[in-house]
Amino acid sequence: MNRLRINGVQPVDEEWRKMKKVWDACKEADIDPPGDVHDYFEGQDPNDLPEGLEVDLGSRDADGQDNGHYRSKAITSVDREMACGVDINLEQLRKEHPNLSTIRIWVSW
């Protein structure tokens, strides 16, 4: 089954750098990062995110069988004969996630 996933990328900023310092210190001490730091990076290792934080905005089946599960009100499913996709309302997305600089769309199969 093909899957379409939509992420936003929030570039590295001062908050990201502070959280990464805590993450790295915890990993060096062989302890789990605090919950707020873990949640900030959505469980991802920030060392694997050099361009910034990836924010999960939602996903849907790319074969049209699933209308989607979106974490953002800015994203809606669009279905046409022999095609399916998503609309992304940029004004709404900016309201929800003002620090995003990039929209990343993944298709997996």
N, C-alpha and C. Protein backbone atom coordinates (compact mmCIF):
# COMPACT_ATOMS: atom_id res chain seq x y z
N MET A 1 0.84 -1.17 0.00
CA MET A 1 0.00 0.00 0.00
C MET A 1 0.89 1.24 0.00
N ASN A 2 0.60 2.15 -0.89
CA ASN A 2 1.31 3.42 -0.95
C ASN A 2 0.76 4.36 0.11
N ARG A 3 1.65 5.16 0.69
CA ARG A 3 1.25 6.09 1.76
C ARG A 3 1.83 7.46 1.46
N LEU A 4 1.02 8.48 1.64
CA LEU A 4 1.44 9.87 1.48
C LEU A 4 1.53 10.48 2.88
N ARG A 5 2.68 11.03 3.21
CA ARG A 5 2.89 11.63 4.53
C ARG A 5 3.31 13.08 4.36
N ILE A 6 2.75 13.97 5.16
CA ILE A 6 3.06 15.39 5.06
C ILE A 6 3.72 15.84 6.36
N ASN A 7 4.90 16.42 6.23
CA ASN A 7 5.62 16.97 7.37
C ASN A 7 5.94 18.42 7.10
N GLY A 8 6.07 19.18 8.15
CA GLY A 8 6.60 20.53 8.07
C GLY A 8 7.99 20.52 8.67
N VAL A 9 8.84 21.40 8.21
CA VAL A 9 10.19 21.50 8.78
C VAL A 9 10.31 22.87 9.43
N GLN A 10 10.62 22.84 10.72
CA GLN A 10 10.87 24.06 11.48
C GLN A 10 12.38 24.20 11.59
N PRO A 11 12.96 25.26 11.03
CA PRO A 11 14.42 25.37 11.01
C PRO A 11 15.03 25.47 12.41
N VAL A 12 16.29 25.15 12.48
CA VAL A 12 17.04 25.25 13.74
C VAL A 12 16.97 26.68 14.24
N ASP A 13 16.60 26.82 15.51
CA ASP A 13 16.57 28.13 16.15
C ASP A 13 17.16 27.98 17.56
N GLU A 14 17.08 29.02 18.35
CA GLU A 14 17.68 28.99 19.68
C GLU A 14 17.02 27.93 20.57
N GLU A 15 15.70 27.81 20.49
CA GLU A 15 14.98 26.78 21.28
C GLU A 15 15.46 25.38 20.91
N TRP A 16 15.61 25.12 19.60
CA TRP A 16 16.09 23.83 19.12
C TRP A 16 17.49 23.55 19.68
N ARG A 17 18.36 24.55 19.64
CA ARG A 17 19.74 24.38 20.13
C ARG A 17 19.75 24.07 21.63
N LYS A 18 18.91 24.75 22.41
CA LYS A 18 18.84 24.50 23.86
C LYS A 18 18.36 23.08 24.13
N MET A 19 17.31 22.69 23.44
CA MET A 19 16.78 21.33 23.63
C MET A 19 17.79 20.27 23.21
N LYS A 20 18.53 20.53 22.16
CA LYS A 20 19.55 19.57 21.70
C LYS A 20 20.66 19.42 22.72
N LYS A 21 21.06 20.53 23.36
CA LYS A 21 22.09 20.44 24.41
C LYS A 21 21.64 19.51 25.54
N VAL A 22 20.38 19.65 25.94
CA VAL A 22 19.84 18.77 26.98
C VAL A 22 19.83 17.33 26.49
N TRP A 23 19.34 17.12 25.27
CA TRP A 23 19.29 15.77 24.68
C TRP A 23 20.69 15.14 24.68
N ASP A 24 21.67 15.88 24.16
CA ASP A 24 23.03 15.34 24.06
C ASP A 24 23.62 15.04 25.43
N ALA A 25 23.38 15.92 26.41
CA ALA A 25 23.90 15.70 27.77
C ALA A 25 23.29 14.43 28.37
N CYS A 26 22.01 14.23 28.16
CA CYS A 26 21.34 13.03 28.68
C CYS A 26 21.88 11.77 28.01
N LYS A 27 22.03 11.82 26.71
CA LYS A 27 22.54 10.65 25.98
C LYS A 27 23.98 10.33 26.42
N GLU A 28 24.78 11.37 26.62
CA GLU A 28 26.16 11.15 27.08
C GLU A 28 26.18 10.53 28.48
N ALA A 29 25.21 10.91 29.31
CA ALA A 29 25.12 10.36 30.67
C ALA A 29 24.37 9.03 30.69
N ASP A 30 23.94 8.57 29.53
CA ASP A 30 23.22 7.30 29.38
C ASP A 30 21.91 7.29 30.18
N ILE A 31 21.19 8.43 30.11
CA ILE A 31 19.86 8.53 30.72
C ILE A 31 18.88 9.05 29.67
N ASP A 32 17.62 8.79 29.89
CA ASP A 32 16.60 9.27 28.95
C ASP A 32 16.41 10.77 29.10
N PRO A 33 16.22 11.47 28.01
CA PRO A 33 15.93 12.91 28.09
C PRO A 33 14.60 13.13 28.81
N PRO A 34 14.43 14.29 29.46
CA PRO A 34 13.14 14.60 30.09
C PRO A 34 12.02 14.56 29.07
N GLY A 35 10.81 14.33 29.55
CA GLY A 35 9.65 14.20 28.68
C GLY A 35 9.43 15.37 27.75
N ASP A 36 9.63 16.61 28.24
CA ASP A 36 9.38 17.77 27.38
C ASP A 36 10.40 17.85 26.25
N VAL A 37 11.63 17.41 26.51
CA VAL A 37 12.66 17.40 25.46
C VAL A 37 12.35 16.28 24.45
N HIS A 38 12.00 15.12 24.96
CA HIS A 38 11.61 14.00 24.09
C HIS A 38 10.43 14.39 23.21
N ASP A 39 9.43 15.02 23.80
CA ASP A 39 8.23 15.43 23.05
C ASP A 39 8.55 16.52 22.03
N TYR A 40 9.45 17.44 22.38
CA TYR A 40 9.82 18.52 21.46
C TYR A 40 10.36 17.94 20.15
N PHE A 41 11.19 16.92 20.26
CA PHE A 41 11.78 16.29 19.07
C PHE A 41 10.93 15.13 18.56
N GLU A 42 9.74 14.95 19.14
CA GLU A 42 8.83 13.86 18.77
C GLU A 42 9.54 12.51 18.78
N GLY A 43 10.45 12.33 19.75
CA GLY A 43 11.15 11.08 19.90
C GLY A 43 12.29 10.85 18.92
N GLN A 44 12.49 11.78 18.01
CA GLN A 44 13.56 11.65 17.02
C GLN A 44 14.87 12.18 17.60
N ASP A 45 15.97 11.57 17.26
CA ASP A 45 17.28 12.05 17.67
C ASP A 45 17.59 13.33 16.90
N PRO A 46 17.80 14.46 17.60
CA PRO A 46 18.05 15.71 16.88
C PRO A 46 19.32 15.68 16.03
N ASN A 47 20.22 14.76 16.33
CA ASN A 47 21.43 14.63 15.50
C ASN A 47 21.09 14.09 14.12
N ASP A 48 19.90 13.51 13.98
CA ASP A 48 19.43 13.03 12.67
C ASP A 48 18.59 14.09 11.95
N LEU A 49 18.47 15.28 12.55
CA LEU A 49 17.63 16.35 12.01
C LEU A 49 18.44 17.63 11.81
N PRO A 50 19.49 17.60 10.98
CA PRO A 50 20.36 18.78 10.88
C PRO A 50 19.68 20.02 10.32
N GLU A 51 18.60 19.85 9.53
CA GLU A 51 17.93 21.02 8.96
C GLU A 51 16.86 21.57 9.89
N GLY A 52 16.57 20.87 10.97
CA GLY A 52 15.58 21.33 11.92
C GLY A 52 14.59 20.26 12.30
N LEU A 53 13.57 20.67 12.98
CA LEU A 53 12.57 19.78 13.53
C LEU A 53 11.51 19.42 12.49
N GLU A 54 11.26 18.12 12.32
CA GLU A 54 10.19 17.69 11.43
C GLU A 54 8.91 17.55 12.24
N VAL A 55 7.86 18.21 11.79
CA VAL A 55 6.57 18.20 12.47
C VAL A 55 5.60 17.37 11.64
N ASP A 56 5.06 16.32 12.25
CA ASP A 56 4.11 15.44 11.56
C ASP A 56 2.78 16.17 11.40
N LEU A 57 2.38 16.41 10.16
CA LEU A 57 1.12 17.09 9.88
C LEU A 57 0.01 16.13 9.49
N GLY A 58 0.36 14.90 9.12
CA GLY A 58 -0.65 13.92 8.80
C GLY A 58 -0.26 13.00 7.66
N SER A 59 -1.17 12.06 7.36
CA SER A 59 -0.90 11.09 6.30
C SER A 59 -2.20 10.56 5.74
N ARG A 60 -2.09 9.91 4.60
CA ARG A 60 -3.22 9.22 3.97
C ARG A 60 -2.68 8.14 3.06
N ASP A 61 -3.53 7.16 2.76
CA ASP A 61 -3.16 6.16 1.77
C ASP A 61 -3.13 6.82 0.41
N ALA A 62 -2.10 6.56 -0.35
CA ALA A 62 -1.97 7.18 -1.68
C ALA A 62 -2.82 6.47 -2.73
N ASP A 63 -3.46 5.36 -2.35
CA ASP A 63 -4.33 4.68 -3.31
C ASP A 63 -5.78 5.11 -3.17
N GLY A 64 -6.05 6.10 -2.29
CA GLY A 64 -7.40 6.63 -2.15
C GLY A 64 -8.31 5.82 -1.24
N GLN A 65 -7.82 4.73 -0.66
CA GLN A 65 -8.64 3.89 0.21
C GLN A 65 -8.88 4.52 1.58
N ASP A 66 -8.00 5.42 1.98
CA ASP A 66 -8.08 6.05 3.30
C ASP A 66 -8.10 7.55 3.09
N ASN A 67 -9.09 8.25 3.61
CA ASN A 67 -9.22 9.68 3.38
C ASN A 67 -8.22 10.51 4.17
N GLY A 68 -7.49 9.92 5.06
CA GLY A 68 -6.43 10.64 5.73
C GLY A 68 -6.67 10.89 7.20
N HIS A 69 -5.57 11.07 7.89
CA HIS A 69 -5.54 11.37 9.31
C HIS A 69 -4.60 12.55 9.46
N TYR A 70 -5.16 13.73 9.59
CA TYR A 70 -4.36 14.94 9.59
C TYR A 70 -4.34 15.58 10.97
N ARG A 71 -3.17 16.00 11.40
CA ARG A 71 -3.01 16.71 12.67
C ARG A 71 -3.19 18.21 12.49
N SER A 72 -3.37 18.62 11.27
CA SER A 72 -3.52 20.04 10.95
C SER A 72 -4.84 20.27 10.24
N LYS A 73 -5.56 21.31 10.65
CA LYS A 73 -6.80 21.68 9.97
C LYS A 73 -6.52 22.28 8.59
N ALA A 74 -5.25 22.57 8.31
CA ALA A 74 -4.87 23.16 7.03
C ALA A 74 -4.84 22.14 5.91
N ILE A 75 -4.92 20.86 6.23
CA ILE A 75 -4.78 19.81 5.22
C ILE A 75 -6.11 19.10 5.03
N THR A 76 -6.52 18.98 3.78
CA THR A 76 -7.74 18.24 3.45
C THR A 76 -7.45 17.31 2.27
N SER A 77 -8.17 16.22 2.24
CA SER A 77 -8.03 15.25 1.15
C SER A 77 -8.73 15.75 -0.11
N VAL A 78 -8.14 15.43 -1.25
CA VAL A 78 -8.74 15.73 -2.55
C VAL A 78 -8.74 14.43 -3.35
N ASP A 79 -9.90 14.06 -3.83
CA ASP A 79 -10.02 12.84 -4.62
C ASP A 79 -10.65 13.15 -5.96
N ARG A 80 -10.03 12.65 -7.00
CA ARG A 80 -10.53 12.78 -8.36
C ARG A 80 -10.55 11.37 -8.97
N GLU A 81 -11.16 11.27 -10.12
CA GLU A 81 -11.15 9.99 -10.80
C GLU A 81 -9.70 9.63 -11.14
N MET A 82 -9.26 8.48 -10.68
CA MET A 82 -7.91 7.95 -10.95
C MET A 82 -6.79 8.74 -10.27
N ALA A 83 -7.11 9.57 -9.28
CA ALA A 83 -6.07 10.32 -8.58
C ALA A 83 -6.56 10.75 -7.20
N CYS A 84 -5.63 10.90 -6.29
CA CYS A 84 -5.96 11.44 -4.98
C CYS A 84 -4.78 12.27 -4.50
N GLY A 85 -5.04 13.18 -3.60
CA GLY A 85 -3.99 14.03 -3.09
C GLY A 85 -4.46 14.81 -1.89
N VAL A 86 -3.80 15.93 -1.61
CA VAL A 86 -4.16 16.79 -0.49
C VAL A 86 -4.08 18.24 -0.92
N ASP A 87 -4.90 19.06 -0.27
CA ASP A 87 -4.77 20.51 -0.37
C ASP A 87 -4.17 20.98 0.94
N ILE A 88 -3.27 21.95 0.85
CA ILE A 88 -2.67 22.53 2.04
C ILE A 88 -2.98 24.02 2.03
N ASN A 89 -3.78 24.46 2.99
CA ASN A 89 -4.14 25.86 3.12
C ASN A 89 -3.00 26.57 3.86
N LEU A 90 -2.23 27.35 3.12
CA LEU A 90 -1.03 27.96 3.69
C LEU A 90 -1.34 28.98 4.77
N GLU A 91 -2.44 29.71 4.63
CA GLU A 91 -2.81 30.68 5.68
C GLU A 91 -3.11 29.97 6.99
N GLN A 92 -3.89 28.90 6.93
CA GLN A 92 -4.21 28.13 8.13
C GLN A 92 -2.97 27.48 8.72
N LEU A 93 -2.11 26.96 7.85
CA LEU A 93 -0.89 26.31 8.32
C LEU A 93 0.00 27.31 9.06
N ARG A 94 0.11 28.53 8.55
CA ARG A 94 0.91 29.56 9.23
C ARG A 94 0.35 29.89 10.61
N LYS A 95 -0.99 29.88 10.73
CA LYS A 95 -1.62 30.13 12.03
C LYS A 95 -1.27 29.03 13.03
N GLU A 96 -1.29 27.80 12.56
CA GLU A 96 -1.03 26.65 13.43
C GLU A 96 0.45 26.46 13.73
N HIS A 97 1.29 26.71 12.74
CA HIS A 97 2.73 26.45 12.85
C HIS A 97 3.51 27.62 12.24
N PRO A 98 3.59 28.74 12.95
CA PRO A 98 4.20 29.94 12.36
C PRO A 98 5.69 29.82 12.07
N ASN A 99 6.37 28.83 12.65
CA ASN A 99 7.81 28.72 12.46
C ASN A 99 8.23 27.74 11.36
N LEU A 100 7.27 27.14 10.67
CA LEU A 100 7.63 26.20 9.60
C LEU A 100 8.20 26.97 8.41
N SER A 101 9.24 26.40 7.82
CA SER A 101 9.84 27.02 6.64
C SER A 101 9.66 26.17 5.38
N THR A 102 9.37 24.89 5.57
CA THR A 102 9.31 23.94 4.45
C THR A 102 8.18 22.96 4.68
N ILE A 103 7.52 22.56 3.61
CA ILE A 103 6.57 21.46 3.65
C ILE A 103 7.23 20.29 2.94
N ARG A 104 7.32 19.16 3.62
CA ARG A 104 7.96 17.97 3.05
C ARG A 104 6.88 16.91 2.85
N ILE A 105 6.78 16.40 1.63
CA ILE A 105 5.78 15.38 1.31
C ILE A 105 6.52 14.10 0.96
N TRP A 106 6.18 13.04 1.68
CA TRP A 106 6.80 11.72 1.49
C TRP A 106 5.79 10.79 0.84
N VAL A 107 6.23 9.99 -0.09
CA VAL A 107 5.42 8.92 -0.64
C VAL A 107 6.20 7.63 -0.41
N SER A 108 5.58 6.70 0.30
CA SER A 108 6.25 5.43 0.57
C SER A 108 5.46 4.30 -0.08
N TRP A 109 6.13 3.25 -0.45
CA TRP A 109 5.47 2.10 -1.07
C TRP A 109 6.18 0.84 -0.67
